[in-house]
């Protein structure tokens, strides 16, 4: 009985750790995606400013 309990607890612990890692990883990936999107927007704005200067 003790052995079964230990195995079950350790399995649940491993699954919980995996889920936590997955959630944290997801958040980090979303942050990176957001940063790169912001960078793209900024680059586009800079391009538009440069185009305006060239046309003037």
Protein backbone atom coordinates (compact mmCIF):
# COMPACT_ATOMS: atom_id res chain seq x y z
CA UNK A 1 0.00 0.00 0.00
CA UNK A 2 2.73 2.45 0.97
CA UNK A 3 4.56 1.70 -2.31
CA UNK A 4 1.43 2.34 -4.41
CA UNK A 5 0.80 5.61 -2.56
CA UNK A 6 4.40 6.75 -3.14
CA UNK A 7 4.18 5.91 -6.86
CA UNK A 8 0.84 7.73 -7.28
CA UNK A 9 2.07 10.79 -5.39
CA UNK A 10 5.27 10.97 -7.43
CA UNK A 11 3.33 10.60 -10.70
CA UNK A 12 0.93 13.39 -9.68
CA UNK A 13 3.90 15.54 -8.70
CA UNK A 14 5.61 14.96 -12.07
CA UNK A 15 2.40 15.80 -13.94
CA UNK A 16 1.90 18.95 -11.86
CA UNK A 17 5.49 20.08 -12.55
CA UNK A 18 5.02 19.43 -16.28
CA UNK A 19 1.79 21.46 -16.32
CA UNK A 20 3.44 24.36 -14.43
CA UNK A 21 6.42 24.30 -16.82
CA UNK A 22 4.06 24.28 -19.83
CA UNK A 23 2.09 27.27 -18.48
CA UNK A 24 5.25 29.26 -17.72
CA UNK A 25 6.70 28.39 -21.13
CA UNK A 26 3.46 29.50 -22.79
CA UNK A 27 3.55 32.86 -21.00
CA UNK A 28 7.19 33.42 -22.00
CA UNK A 29 6.42 32.53 -25.63
CA UNK A 30 3.47 34.97 -25.69
CA UNK A 31 5.66 37.73 -24.24
CA UNK A 32 8.32 37.10 -26.92
CA UNK A 33 5.65 37.10 -29.62
CA UNK A 34 4.28 40.41 -28.29
CA UNK A 35 7.77 41.93 -28.23
CA UNK A 36 8.50 40.91 -31.81
CA UNK A 37 5.10 42.22 -32.96
CA UNK A 38 5.81 45.55 -31.27
CA UNK A 39 9.24 45.62 -32.96
CA UNK A 40 7.60 45.03 -36.35
CA UNK A 41 5.14 47.89 -35.73
CA UNK A 42 7.95 50.23 -34.72
CA UNK A 43 9.95 49.27 -37.82
CA UNK A 44 6.92 49.96 -40.02
CA UNK A 45 6.42 53.38 -38.38
CA UNK A 46 10.07 54.23 -38.94
CA UNK A 47 9.78 53.19 -42.60
CA UNK A 48 6.73 55.41 -43.04
CA UNK A 49 8.58 58.37 -41.46
CA UNK A 50 11.53 57.79 -43.78
CA UNK A 51 9.20 57.59 -46.80
CA UNK A 52 7.61 60.92 -45.80
CA UNK A 53 11.03 62.56 -45.53
CA UNK A 54 12.05 61.21 -48.95
CA UNK A 55 8.84 62.43 -50.62
CA UNK A 56 9.37 65.92 -49.16
